[in-house]
Amino acid sequence: MVSKQQESREDLHFKTLKLIEAKPDITQRELADQLGISLGKTNYVLKALKEKGLVKLGNFGRNPNKLQYVHLLTPQGLSEKTQLTLRFLKRKVQEYEQLKAEIDELKHTLESEKSE
């Protein structure tokens, strides 16, 4: 069984990998804004993904601004993103089904109360 904290970390890693794949030249500040987390936490997440070998850092070869980098998913990063996607989707489907059941129960309760 996966803890809520681990699920939250996986979701953050999944969303980060997804954003990096879509826009490799995304800045840490842009990542932080899109993820809704602090710049410090974004830096921590990127460092963790780099240490796991899921992301590597490169720079634009011909760019005069050598401070501008790109984040690239490694083959292992692409594979991990796929696995995270599957687990994320599974959790979201479970959440949807639970929410749907709760909504159906509330509707049934309201209908029962109306008929009384």
PDB file of N, CA and C in Angstrom:
ATOM      1  N   MET A   1       0.843  -1.175   0.000  1.00  0.00           N
ATOM      2  CA  MET A   1       0.000   0.000   0.000  1.00  0.00           C
ATOM      3  C   MET A   1       0.891   1.244   0.000  1.00  0.00           C
ATOM      4  N   VAL A   2       0.530   2.184  -0.834  1.00  0.00           N
ATOM      5  CA  VAL A   2       1.301   3.408  -0.979  1.00  0.00           C
ATOM      6  C   VAL A   2       0.722   4.480  -0.058  1.00  0.00           C
ATOM      7  N   SER A   3       1.601   5.199   0.642  1.00  0.00           N
ATOM      8  CA  SER A   3       1.138   6.255   1.545  1.00  0.00           C
ATOM      9  C   SER A   3       0.698   7.475   0.744  1.00  0.00           C
ATOM     10  N   LYS A   4      -0.100   8.318   1.379  1.00  0.00           N
ATOM     11  CA  LYS A   4      -0.554   9.559   0.738  1.00  0.00           C
ATOM     12  C   LYS A   4       0.638  10.432   0.376  1.00  0.00           C
ATOM     13  N   GLN A   5       1.648  10.444   1.250  1.00  0.00           N
ATOM     14  CA  GLN A   5       2.845  11.250   0.995  1.00  0.00           C
ATOM     15  C   GLN A   5       3.563  10.747  -0.260  1.00  0.00           C
ATOM     16  N   GLN A   6       3.659   9.439  -0.399  1.00  0.00           N
ATOM     17  CA  GLN A   6       4.316   8.870  -1.573  1.00  0.00           C
ATOM     18  C   GLN A   6       3.493   9.141  -2.828  1.00  0.00           C
ATOM     19  N   GLU A   7       2.156   9.049  -2.725  1.00  0.00           N
ATOM     20  CA  GLU A   7       1.287   9.373  -3.855  1.00  0.00           C
ATOM     21  C   GLU A   7       1.482  10.821  -4.281  1.00  0.00           C
ATOM     22  N   SER A   8       1.551  11.710  -3.299  1.00  0.00           N
ATOM     23  CA  SER A   8       1.737  13.128  -3.577  1.00  0.00           C
ATOM     24  C   SER A   8       3.071  13.368  -4.279  1.00  0.00           C
ATOM     25  N   ARG A   9       4.124  12.702  -3.820  1.00  0.00           N
ATOM     26  CA  ARG A   9       5.451  12.834  -4.420  1.00  0.00           C
ATOM     27  C   ARG A   9       5.428  12.283  -5.849  1.00  0.00           C
ATOM     28  N   GLU A  10       4.788  11.126  -6.037  1.00  0.00           N
ATOM     29  CA  GLU A  10       4.685  10.545  -7.380  1.00  0.00           C
ATOM     30  C   GLU A  10       3.935  11.471  -8.319  1.00  0.00           C
ATOM     31  N   ASP A  11       2.836  12.067  -7.835  1.00  0.00           N
ATOM     32  CA  ASP A  11       2.060  12.987  -8.662  1.00  0.00           C
ATOM     33  C   ASP A  11       2.907  14.186  -9.069  1.00  0.00           C
ATOM     34  N   LEU A  12       3.685  14.702  -8.125  1.00  0.00           N
ATOM     35  CA  LEU A  12       4.543  15.845  -8.413  1.00  0.00           C
ATOM     36  C   LEU A  12       5.630  15.469  -9.415  1.00  0.00           C
ATOM     37  N   HIS A  13       6.213  14.298  -9.262  1.00  0.00           N
ATOM     38  CA  HIS A  13       7.225  13.832 -10.211  1.00  0.00           C
ATOM     39  C   HIS A  13       6.600  13.625 -11.583  1.00  0.00           C
ATOM     40  N   PHE A  14       5.420  13.029 -11.624  1.00  0.00           N
ATOM     41  CA  PHE A  14       4.721  12.803 -12.890  1.00  0.00           C
ATOM     42  C   PHE A  14       4.448  14.123 -13.601  1.00  0.00           C
ATOM     43  N   LYS A  15       3.893  15.087 -12.873  1.00  0.00           N
ATOM     44  CA  LYS A  15       3.562  16.375 -13.475  1.00  0.00           C
ATOM     45  C   LYS A  15       4.816  17.108 -13.942  1.00  0.00           C
ATOM     46  N   THR A  16       5.901  16.990 -13.175  1.00  0.00           N
ATOM     47  CA  THR A  16       7.162  17.625 -13.555  1.00  0.00           C
ATOM     48  C   THR A  16       7.716  16.996 -14.823  1.00  0.00           C
ATOM     49  N   LEU A  17       7.743  15.674 -14.882  1.00  0.00           N
ATOM     50  CA  LEU A  17       8.242  14.985 -16.072  1.00  0.00           C
ATOM     51  C   LEU A  17       7.385  15.322 -17.291  1.00  0.00           C
ATOM     52  N   LYS A  18       6.086  15.409 -17.086  1.00  0.00           N
ATOM     53  CA  LYS A  18       5.167  15.739 -18.184  1.00  0.00           C
ATOM     54  C   LYS A  18       5.448  17.145 -18.714  1.00  0.00           C
ATOM     55  N   LEU A  19       5.647  18.099 -17.817  1.00  0.00           N
ATOM     56  CA  LEU A  19       5.935  19.468 -18.241  1.00  0.00           C
ATOM     57  C   LEU A  19       7.285  19.562 -18.948  1.00  0.00           C
ATOM     58  N   ILE A  20       8.281  18.867 -18.432  1.00  0.00           N
ATOM     59  CA  ILE A  20       9.608  18.890 -19.042  1.00  0.00           C
ATOM     60  C   ILE A  20       9.569  18.254 -20.427  1.00  0.00           C
ATOM     61  N   GLU A  21       8.838  17.165 -20.565  1.00  0.00           N
ATOM     62  CA  GLU A  21       8.740  16.512 -21.868  1.00  0.00           C
ATOM     63  C   GLU A  21       8.082  17.446 -22.884  1.00  0.00           C
ATOM     64  N   ALA A  22       7.057  18.170 -22.442  1.00  0.00           N
ATOM     65  CA  ALA A  22       6.336  19.071 -23.340  1.00  0.00           C
ATOM     66  C   ALA A  22       7.155  20.318 -23.688  1.00  0.00           C
ATOM     67  N   LYS A  23       7.955  20.794 -22.726  1.00  0.00           N
ATOM     68  CA  LYS A  23       8.724  22.029 -22.943  1.00  0.00           C
ATOM     69  C   LYS A  23      10.089  21.906 -22.253  1.00  0.00           C
ATOM     70  N   PRO A  24      11.067  21.302 -22.942  1.00  0.00           N
ATOM     71  CA  PRO A  24      12.372  21.066 -22.322  1.00  0.00           C
ATOM     72  C   PRO A  24      13.089  22.337 -21.851  1.00  0.00           C
ATOM     73  N   ASP A  25      12.788  23.480 -22.475  1.00  0.00           N
ATOM     74  CA  ASP A  25      13.473  24.716 -22.090  1.00  0.00           C
ATOM     75  C   ASP A  25      12.733  25.482 -20.997  1.00  0.00           C
ATOM     76  N   ILE A  26      11.785  24.826 -20.350  1.00  0.00           N
ATOM     77  CA  ILE A  26      11.035  25.466 -19.269  1.00  0.00           C
ATOM     78  C   ILE A  26      11.998  25.834 -18.132  1.00  0.00           C
ATOM     79  N   THR A  27      11.796  27.012 -17.574  1.00  0.00           N
ATOM     80  CA  THR A  27      12.648  27.437 -16.467  1.00  0.00           C
ATOM     81  C   THR A  27      12.110  26.868 -15.160  1.00  0.00           C
ATOM     82  N   GLN A  28      12.956  26.888 -14.144  1.00  0.00           N
ATOM     83  CA  GLN A  28      12.503  26.415 -12.839  1.00  0.00           C
ATOM     84  C   GLN A  28      11.361  27.288 -12.325  1.00  0.00           C
ATOM     85  N   ARG A  29      11.441  28.575 -12.592  1.00  0.00           N
ATOM     86  CA  ARG A  29      10.381  29.486 -12.144  1.00  0.00           C
ATOM     87  C   ARG A  29       9.049  29.154 -12.842  1.00  0.00           C
ATOM     88  N   GLU A  30       9.108  28.873 -14.136  1.00  0.00           N
ATOM     89  CA  GLU A  30       7.897  28.479 -14.869  1.00  0.00           C
ATOM     90  C   GLU A  30       7.357  27.155 -14.343  1.00  0.00           C
ATOM     91  N   LEU A  31       8.270  26.216 -14.075  1.00  0.00           N
ATOM     92  CA  LEU A  31       7.847  24.931 -13.506  1.00  0.00           C
ATOM     93  C   LEU A  31       7.145  25.148 -12.171  1.00  0.00           C
ATOM     94  N   ALA A  32       7.756  25.964 -11.321  1.00  0.00           N
ATOM     95  CA  ALA A  32       7.176  26.235 -10.009  1.00  0.00           C
ATOM     96  C   ALA A  32       5.778  26.818 -10.156  1.00  0.00           C
ATOM     97  N   ASP A  33       5.621  27.782 -11.057  1.00  0.00           N
ATOM     98  CA  ASP A  33       4.311  28.402 -11.271  1.00  0.00           C
ATOM     99  C   ASP A  33       3.284  27.380 -11.751  1.00  0.00           C
ATOM    100  N   GLN A  34       3.661  26.571 -12.729  1.00  0.00           N
ATOM    101  CA  GLN A  34       2.715  25.607 -13.291  1.00  0.00           C
ATOM    102  C   GLN A  34       2.403  24.464 -12.323  1.00  0.00           C
ATOM    103  N   LEU A  35       3.350  24.128 -11.476  1.00  0.00           N
ATOM    104  CA  LEU A  35       3.126  23.065 -10.495  1.00  0.00           C
ATOM    105  C   LEU A  35       2.444  23.582  -9.230  1.00  0.00           C
ATOM    106  N   GLY A  36       2.479  24.908  -9.045  1.00  0.00           N
ATOM    107  CA  GLY A  36       1.871  25.494  -7.854  1.00  0.00           C
ATOM    108  C   GLY A  36       2.691  25.249  -6.597  1.00  0.00           C
ATOM    109  N   ILE A  37       4.013  25.210  -6.754  1.00  0.00           N
ATOM    110  CA  ILE A  37       4.902  24.987  -5.613  1.00  0.00           C
ATOM    111  C   ILE A  37       5.980  26.074  -5.601  1.00  0.00           C
ATOM    112  N   SER A  38       6.729  26.139  -4.523  1.00  0.00           N
ATOM    113  CA  SER A  38       7.778  27.147  -4.407  1.00  0.00           C
ATOM    114  C   SER A  38       8.947  26.821  -5.333  1.00  0.00           C
ATOM    115  N   LEU A  39       9.736  27.839  -5.603  1.00  0.00           N
ATOM    116  CA  LEU A  39      10.927  27.661  -6.422  1.00  0.00           C
ATOM    117  C   LEU A  39      11.913  26.710  -5.737  1.00  0.00           C
ATOM    118  N   GLY A  40      12.040  26.819  -4.416  1.00  0.00           N
ATOM    119  CA  GLY A  40      12.915  25.924  -3.667  1.00  0.00           C
ATOM    120  C   GLY A  40      12.492  24.466  -3.780  1.00  0.00           C
ATOM    121  N   LYS A  41      11.198  24.227  -3.675  1.00  0.00           N
ATOM    122  CA  LYS A  41      10.690  22.852  -3.792  1.00  0.00           C
ATOM    123  C   LYS A  41      10.888  22.338  -5.218  1.00  0.00           C
ATOM    124  N   THR A  42      10.719  23.220  -6.198  1.00  0.00           N
ATOM    125  CA  THR A  42      10.944  22.838  -7.594  1.00  0.00           C
ATOM    126  C   THR A  42      12.392  22.411  -7.788  1.00  0.00           C
ATOM    127  N   ASN A  43      13.309  23.174  -7.225  1.00  0.00           N
ATOM    128  CA  ASN A  43      14.723  22.842  -7.303  1.00  0.00           C
ATOM    129  C   ASN A  43      14.977  21.477  -6.670  1.00  0.00           C
ATOM    130  N   TYR A  44      14.358  21.222  -5.521  1.00  0.00           N
ATOM    131  CA  TYR A  44      14.499  19.949  -4.813  1.00  0.00           C
ATOM    132  C   TYR A  44      13.976  18.795  -5.669  1.00  0.00           C
ATOM    133  N   VAL A  45      12.816  18.989  -6.310  1.00  0.00           N
ATOM    134  CA  VAL A  45      12.217  17.945  -7.160  1.00  0.00           C
ATOM    135  C   VAL A  45      13.125  17.653  -8.349  1.00  0.00           C
ATOM    136  N   LEU A  46      13.609  18.706  -9.007  1.00  0.00           N
ATOM    137  CA  LEU A  46      14.496  18.507 -10.160  1.00  0.00           C
ATOM    138  C   LEU A  46      15.777  17.789  -9.753  1.00  0.00           C
ATOM    139  N   LYS A  47      16.314  18.151  -8.611  1.00  0.00           N
ATOM    140  CA  LYS A  47      17.524  17.492  -8.121  1.00  0.00           C
ATOM    141  C   LYS A  47      17.267  16.002  -7.890  1.00  0.00           C
ATOM    142  N   ALA A  48      16.120  15.676  -7.294  1.00  0.00           N
ATOM    143  CA  ALA A  48      15.768  14.269  -7.049  1.00  0.00           C
ATOM    144  C   ALA A  48      15.626  13.512  -8.373  1.00  0.00           C
ATOM    145  N   LEU A  49      14.982  14.140  -9.366  1.00  0.00           N
ATOM    146  CA  LEU A  49      14.803  13.484 -10.661  1.00  0.00           C
ATOM    147  C   LEU A  49      16.144  13.294 -11.368  1.00  0.00           C
ATOM    148  N   LYS A  50      17.042  14.247 -11.208  1.00  0.00           N
ATOM    149  CA  LYS A  50      18.379  14.117 -11.801  1.00  0.00           C
ATOM    150  C   LYS A  50      19.160  13.002 -11.116  1.00  0.00           C
ATOM    151  N   GLU A  51      19.081  12.944  -9.790  1.00  0.00           N
ATOM    152  CA  GLU A  51      19.805  11.907  -9.040  1.00  0.00           C
ATOM    153  C   GLU A  51      19.302  10.509  -9.385  1.00  0.00           C
ATOM    154  N   LYS A  52      18.021  10.402  -9.704  1.00  0.00           N
ATOM    155  CA  LYS A  52      17.452   9.107 -10.101  1.00  0.00           C
ATOM    156  C   LYS A  52      17.786   8.767 -11.548  1.00  0.00           C
ATOM    157  N   GLY A  53      18.378   9.724 -12.268  1.00  0.00           N
ATOM    158  CA  GLY A  53      18.734   9.493 -13.667  1.00  0.00           C
ATOM    159  C   GLY A  53      17.559   9.651 -14.611  1.00  0.00           C
ATOM    160  N   LEU A  54      16.502  10.335 -14.181  1.00  0.00           N
ATOM    161  CA  LEU A  54      15.309  10.488 -15.004  1.00  0.00           C
ATOM    162  C   LEU A  54      15.364  11.742 -15.876  1.00  0.00           C
ATOM    163  N   VAL A  55      16.150  12.712 -15.433  1.00  0.00           N
ATOM    164  CA  VAL A  55      16.277  13.985 -16.139  1.00  0.00           C
ATOM    165  C   VAL A  55      17.751  14.331 -16.206  1.00  0.00           C
ATOM    166  N   LYS A  56      18.145  14.904 -17.334  1.00  0.00           N
ATOM    167  CA  LYS A  56      19.504  15.424 -17.418  1.00  0.00           C
ATOM    168  C   LYS A  56      19.425  16.869 -17.877  1.00  0.00           C
ATOM    169  N   LEU A  57      20.460  17.600 -17.559  1.00  0.00           N
ATOM    170  CA  LEU A  57      20.510  19.015 -17.857  1.00  0.00           C
ATOM    171  C   LEU A  57      21.442  19.237 -19.030  1.00  0.00           C
ATOM    172  N   GLY A  58      20.998  20.046 -19.982  1.00  0.00           N
ATOM    173  CA  GLY A  58      21.841  20.401 -21.119  1.00  0.00           C
ATOM    174  C   GLY A  58      21.713  21.885 -21.359  1.00  0.00           C
ATOM    175  N   ASN A  59      22.554  22.431 -22.219  1.00  0.00           N
ATOM    176  CA  ASN A  59      22.382  23.836 -22.555  1.00  0.00           C
ATOM    177  C   ASN A  59      22.264  23.974 -24.059  1.00  0.00           C
ATOM    178  N   PHE A  60      21.755  25.102 -24.470  1.00  0.00           N
ATOM    179  CA  PHE A  60      21.610  25.349 -25.891  1.00  0.00           C
ATOM    180  C   PHE A  60      22.998  25.540 -26.479  1.00  0.00           C
ATOM    181  N   GLY A  61      23.375  24.695 -27.401  1.00  0.00           N
ATOM    182  CA  GLY A  61      24.720  24.728 -27.955  1.00  0.00           C
ATOM    183  C   GLY A  61      25.112  26.053 -28.565  1.00  0.00           C
ATOM    184  N   ARG A  62      24.245  26.674 -29.317  1.00  0.00           N
ATOM    185  CA  ARG A  62      24.604  27.911 -30.007  1.00  0.00           C
ATOM    186  C   ARG A  62      24.017  29.143 -29.337  1.00  0.00           C
ATOM    187  N   ASN A  63      23.444  28.981 -28.201  1.00  0.00           N
ATOM    188  CA  ASN A  63      22.823  30.107 -27.510  1.00  0.00           C
ATOM    189  C   ASN A  63      23.894  30.948 -26.836  1.00  0.00           C
ATOM    190  N   PRO A  64      23.923  32.268 -27.119  1.00  0.00           N
ATOM    191  CA  PRO A  64      24.919  33.120 -26.451  1.00  0.00           C
ATOM    192  C   PRO A  64      24.666  33.226 -24.946  1.00  0.00           C
ATOM    193  N   ASN A  65      23.428  32.960 -24.524  1.00  0.00           N
ATOM    194  CA  ASN A  65      23.095  32.986 -23.103  1.00  0.00           C
ATOM    195  C   ASN A  65      23.321  31.588 -22.538  1.00  0.00           C
ATOM    196  N   LYS A  66      24.529  31.308 -22.122  1.00  0.00           N
ATOM    197  CA  LYS A  66      24.865  29.960 -21.655  1.00  0.00           C
ATOM    198  C   LYS A  66      24.185  29.601 -20.336  1.00  0.00           C
ATOM    199  N   LEU A  67      23.491  30.562 -19.738  1.00  0.00           N
ATOM    200  CA  LEU A  67      22.782  30.265 -18.496  1.00  0.00           C
ATOM    201  C   LEU A  67      21.440  29.596 -18.758  1.00  0.00           C
ATOM    202  N   GLN A  68      21.001  29.602 -20.008  1.00  0.00           N
ATOM    203  CA  GLN A  68      19.715  28.992 -20.326  1.00  0.00           C
ATOM    204  C   GLN A  68      19.917  27.506 -20.632  1.00  0.00           C
ATOM    205  N   TYR A  69      19.258  26.686 -19.861  1.00  0.00           N
ATOM    206  CA  TYR A  69      19.421  25.240 -19.977  1.00  0.00           C
ATOM    207  C   TYR A  69      18.136  24.575 -20.432  1.00  0.00           C
ATOM    208  N   VAL A  70      18.278  23.362 -20.867  1.00  0.00           N
ATOM    209  CA  VAL A  70      17.127  22.528 -21.170  1.00  0.00           C
ATOM    210  C   VAL A  70      17.166  21.328 -20.241  1.00  0.00           C
ATOM    211  N   HIS A  71      16.004  20.860 -19.882  1.00  0.00           N
ATOM    212  CA  HIS A  71      15.880  19.646 -19.086  1.00  0.00           C
ATOM    213  C   HIS A  71      15.395  18.564 -20.044  1.00  0.00           C
ATOM    214  N   LEU A  72      16.104  17.487 -20.105  1.00  0.00           N
ATOM    215  CA  LEU A  72      15.755  16.408 -21.015  1.00  0.00           C
ATOM    216  C   LEU A  72      15.445  15.138 -20.237  1.00  0.00           C
ATOM    217  N   LEU A  73      14.397  14.458 -20.674  1.00  0.00           N
ATOM    218  CA  LEU A  73      14.085  13.165 -20.066  1.00  0.00           C
ATOM    219  C   LEU A  73      15.049  12.130 -20.631  1.00  0.00           C
ATOM    220  N   THR A  74      15.602  11.344 -19.775  1.00  0.00           N
ATOM    221  CA  THR A  74      16.464  10.247 -20.206  1.00  0.00           C
ATOM    222  C   THR A  74      15.557   9.092 -20.639  1.00  0.00           C
ATOM    223  N   PRO A  75      16.101   8.079 -21.299  1.00  0.00           N
ATOM    224  CA  PRO A  75      15.274   6.906 -21.612  1.00  0.00           C
ATOM    225  C   PRO A  75      14.622   6.319 -20.348  1.00  0.00           C
ATOM    226  N   GLN A  76      15.386   6.299 -19.266  1.00  0.00           N
ATOM    227  CA  GLN A  76      14.842   5.814 -17.991  1.00  0.00           C
ATOM    228  C   GLN A  76      13.730   6.761 -17.515  1.00  0.00           C
ATOM    229  N   GLY A  77      13.906   8.061 -17.757  1.00  0.00           N
ATOM    230  CA  GLY A  77      12.888   9.041 -17.382  1.00  0.00           C
ATOM    231  C   GLY A  77      11.600   8.844 -18.164  1.00  0.00           C
ATOM    232  N   LEU A  78      11.726   8.542 -19.446  1.00  0.00           N
ATOM    233  CA  LEU A  78      10.536   8.279 -20.262  1.00  0.00           C
ATOM    234  C   LEU A  78       9.801   7.043 -19.768  1.00  0.00           C
ATOM    235  N   SER A  79      10.573   6.008 -19.434  1.00  0.00           N
ATOM    236  CA  SER A  79       9.976   4.775 -18.912  1.00  0.00           C
ATOM    237  C   SER A  79       9.282   5.031 -17.580  1.00  0.00           C
ATOM    238  N   GLU A  80       9.954   5.775 -16.695  1.00  0.00           N
ATOM    239  CA  GLU A  80       9.371   6.083 -15.384  1.00  0.00           C
ATOM    240  C   GLU A  80       8.118   6.931 -15.540  1.00  0.00           C
ATOM    241  N   LYS A  81       8.138   7.873 -16.490  1.00  0.00           N
ATOM    242  CA  LYS A  81       6.958   8.714 -16.730  1.00  0.00           C
ATOM    243  C   LYS A  81       5.774   7.843 -17.142  1.00  0.00           C
ATOM    244  N   THR A  82       6.028   6.838 -17.954  1.00  0.00           N
ATOM    245  CA  THR A  82       4.959   5.921 -18.362  1.00  0.00           C
ATOM    246  C   THR A  82       4.385   5.190 -17.151  1.00  0.00           C
ATOM    247  N   GLN A  83       5.264   4.695 -16.284  1.00  0.00           N
ATOM    248  CA  GLN A  83       4.813   3.990 -15.080  1.00  0.00           C
ATOM    249  C   GLN A  83       4.045   4.931 -14.144  1.00  0.00           C
ATOM    250  N   LEU A  84       4.558   6.146 -13.979  1.00  0.00           N
ATOM    251  CA  LEU A  84       3.860   7.134 -13.139  1.00  0.00           C
ATOM    252  C   LEU A  84       2.506   7.492 -13.737  1.00  0.00           C
ATOM    253  N   THR A  85       2.443   7.575 -15.054  1.00  0.00           N
ATOM    254  CA  THR A  85       1.185   7.876 -15.732  1.00  0.00           C
ATOM    255  C   THR A  85       0.152   6.784 -15.434  1.00  0.00           C
ATOM    256  N   LEU A  86       0.568   5.542 -15.517  1.00  0.00           N
ATOM    257  CA  LEU A  86      -0.344   4.426 -15.251  1.00  0.00           C
ATOM    258  C   LEU A  86      -0.858   4.456 -13.812  1.00  0.00           C
ATOM    259  N   ARG A  87       0.053   4.699 -12.859  1.00  0.00           N
ATOM    260  CA  ARG A  87      -0.364   4.743 -11.453  1.00  0.00           C
ATOM    261  C   ARG A  87      -1.246   5.963 -11.177  1.00  0.00           C
ATOM    262  N   PHE A  88      -0.901   7.099 -11.778  1.00  0.00           N
ATOM    263  CA  PHE A  88      -1.694   8.318 -11.625  1.00  0.00           C
ATOM    264  C   PHE A  88      -3.107   8.089 -12.164  1.00  0.00           C
ATOM    265  N   LEU A  89      -3.199   7.513 -13.349  1.00  0.00           N
ATOM    266  CA  LEU A  89      -4.496   7.244 -13.968  1.00  0.00           C
ATOM    267  C   LEU A  89      -5.325   6.281 -13.118  1.00  0.00           C
ATOM    268  N   LYS A  90      -4.686   5.250 -12.604  1.00  0.00           N
ATOM    269  CA  LYS A  90      -5.388   4.273 -11.760  1.00  0.00           C
ATOM    270  C   LYS A  90      -5.970   4.948 -10.522  1.00  0.00           C
ATOM    271  N   ARG A  91      -5.156   5.816  -9.860  1.00  0.00           N
ATOM    272  CA  ARG A  91      -5.647   6.534  -8.672  1.00  0.00           C
ATOM    273  C   ARG A  91      -6.801   7.467  -9.025  1.00  0.00           C
ATOM    274  N   LYS A  92      -6.680   8.159 -10.143  1.00  0.00           N
ATOM    275  CA  LYS A  92      -7.725   9.117 -10.531  1.00  0.00           C
ATOM    276  C   LYS A  92      -9.025   8.392 -10.893  1.00  0.00           C
ATOM    277  N   VAL A  93      -8.932   7.236 -11.524  1.00  0.00           N
ATOM    278  CA  VAL A  93     -10.126   6.449 -11.835  1.00  0.00           C
ATOM    279  C   VAL A  93     -10.792   5.976 -10.549  1.00  0.00           C
ATOM    280  N   GLN A  94      -9.988   5.538  -9.568  1.00  0.00           N
ATOM    281  CA  GLN A  94     -10.541   5.125  -8.275  1.00  0.00           C
ATOM    282  C   GLN A  94     -11.224   6.298  -7.578  1.00  0.00           C
ATOM    283  N   GLU A  95     -10.569   7.460  -7.598  1.00  0.00           N
ATOM    284  CA  GLU A  95     -11.170   8.654  -6.995  1.00  0.00           C
ATOM    285  C   GLU A  95     -12.480   9.003  -7.686  1.00  0.00           C
ATOM    286  N   TYR A  96     -12.499   8.913  -9.014  1.00  0.00           N
ATOM    287  CA  TYR A  96     -13.705   9.200  -9.786  1.00  0.00           C
ATOM    288  C   TYR A  96     -14.830   8.240  -9.404  1.00  0.00           C
ATOM    289  N   GLU A  97     -14.503   6.964  -9.328  1.00  0.00           N
ATOM    290  CA  GLU A  97     -15.532   5.972  -9.006  1.00  0.00           C
ATOM    291  C   GLU A  97     -16.075   6.172  -7.599  1.00  0.00           C
ATOM    292  N   GLN A  98     -15.199   6.519  -6.653  1.00  0.00           N
ATOM    293  CA  GLN A  98     -15.657   6.792  -5.291  1.00  0.00           C
ATOM    294  C   GLN A  98     -16.533   8.033  -5.249  1.00  0.00           C
ATOM    295  N   LEU A  99     -16.123   9.056  -5.951  1.00  0.00           N
ATOM    296  CA  LEU A  99     -16.907  10.289  -5.991  1.00  0.00           C
ATOM    297  C   LEU A  99     -18.250  10.058  -6.677  1.00  0.00           C
ATOM    298  N   LYS A 100     -18.255   9.299  -7.748  1.00  0.00           N
ATOM    299  CA  LYS A 100     -19.493   8.992  -8.457  1.00  0.00           C
ATOM    300  C   LYS A 100     -20.447   8.224  -7.551  1.00  0.00           C
ATOM    301  N   ALA A 101     -19.927   7.254  -6.809  1.00  0.00           N
ATOM    302  CA  ALA A 101     -20.765   6.485  -5.887  1.00  0.00           C
ATOM    303  C   ALA A 101     -21.344   7.399  -4.809  1.00  0.00           C
ATOM    304  N   GLU A 102     -20.547   8.322  -4.302  1.00  0.00           N
ATOM    305  CA  GLU A 102     -21.019   9.262  -3.285  1.00  0.00           C
ATOM    306  C   GLU A 102     -22.100  10.187  -3.848  1.00  0.00           C
ATOM    307  N   ILE A 103     -21.904  10.651  -5.074  1.00  0.00           N
ATOM    308  CA  ILE A 103     -22.907  11.504  -5.721  1.00  0.00           C
ATOM    309  C   ILE A 103     -24.200  10.737  -5.936  1.00  0.00           C
ATOM    310  N   ASP A 104     -24.085   9.508  -6.415  1.00  0.00           N
ATOM    311  CA  ASP A 104     -25.285   8.681  -6.630  1.00  0.00           C
ATOM    312  C   ASP A 104     -26.033   8.457  -5.321  1.00  0.00           C
ATOM    313  N   GLU A 105     -25.299   8.219  -4.249  1.00  0.00           N
ATOM    314  CA  GLU A 105     -25.918   8.013  -2.941  1.00  0.00           C
ATOM    315  C   GLU A 105     -26.638   9.284  -2.483  1.00  0.00           C
ATOM    316  N   LEU A 106     -26.011  10.431  -2.664  1.00  0.00           N
ATOM    317  CA  LEU A 106     -26.648  11.706  -2.289  1.00  0.00           C
ATOM    318  C   LEU A 106     -27.899  11.975  -3.119  1.00  0.00           C
ATOM    319  N   LYS A 107     -27.836  11.684  -4.401  1.00  0.00           N
ATOM    320  CA  LYS A 107     -29.009  11.853  -5.269  1.00  0.00           C
ATOM    321  C   LYS A 107     -30.146  10.958  -4.794  1.00  0.00           C
ATOM    322  N   HIS A 108     -29.802   9.725  -4.468  1.00  0.00           N
ATOM    323  CA  HIS A 108     -30.809   8.779  -3.995  1.00  0.00           C
ATOM    324  C   HIS A 108     -31.437   9.276  -2.690  1.00  0.00           C
ATOM    325  N   THR A 109     -30.612   9.799  -1.797  1.00  0.00           N
ATOM    326  CA  THR A 109     -31.092  10.336  -0.527  1.00  0.00           C
ATOM    327  C   THR A 109     -32.043  11.501  -0.762  1.00  0.00           C
ATOM    328  N   LEU A 110     -31.651  12.400  -1.668  1.00  0.00           N
ATOM    329  CA  LEU A 110     -32.511  13.553  -1.976  1.00  0.00           C
ATOM    330  C   LEU A 110     -33.834  13.117  -2.589  1.00  0.00           C
ATOM    331  N   GLU A 111     -33.786  12.163  -3.493  1.00  0.00           N
ATOM    332  CA  GLU A 111     -35.016  11.653  -4.108  1.00  0.00           C
ATOM    333  C   GLU A 111     -35.925  10.994  -3.080  1.00  0.00           C
ATOM    334  N   SER A 112     -35.324  10.276  -2.152  1.00  0.00           N
ATOM    335  CA  SER A 112     -36.110   9.635  -1.085  1.00  0.00           C
ATOM    336  C   SER A 112     -36.761  10.670  -0.205  1.00  0.00           C
ATOM    337  N   GLU A 113     -36.039  11.743   0.103  1.00  0.00           N
ATOM    338  CA  GLU A 113     -36.585  12.794   0.959  1.00  0.00           C
ATOM    339  C   GLU A 113     -37.682  13.575   0.250  1.00  0.00           C
ATOM    340  N   LYS A 114     -37.573  13.746  -1.064  1.00  0.00           N
ATOM    341  CA  LYS A 114     -38.609  14.450  -1.833  1.00  0.00           C
ATOM    342  C   LYS A 114     -39.915  13.673  -1.860  1.00  0.00           C
ATOM    343  N   SER A 115     -39.811  12.364  -1.958  1.00  0.00           N
ATOM    344  CA  SER A 115     -41.012  11.531  -2.062  1.00  0.00           C
ATOM    345  C   SER A 115     -41.728  11.337  -0.731  1.00  0.00           C
ATOM    346  N   GLU A 116     -41.098  11.731   0.334  1.00  0.00           N
ATOM    347  CA  GLU A 116     -41.737  11.548   1.670  1.00  0.00           C
ATOM    348  C   GLU A 116     -42.747  12.604   1.955  1.00  0.00           C
TER     349      GLU A 116
END
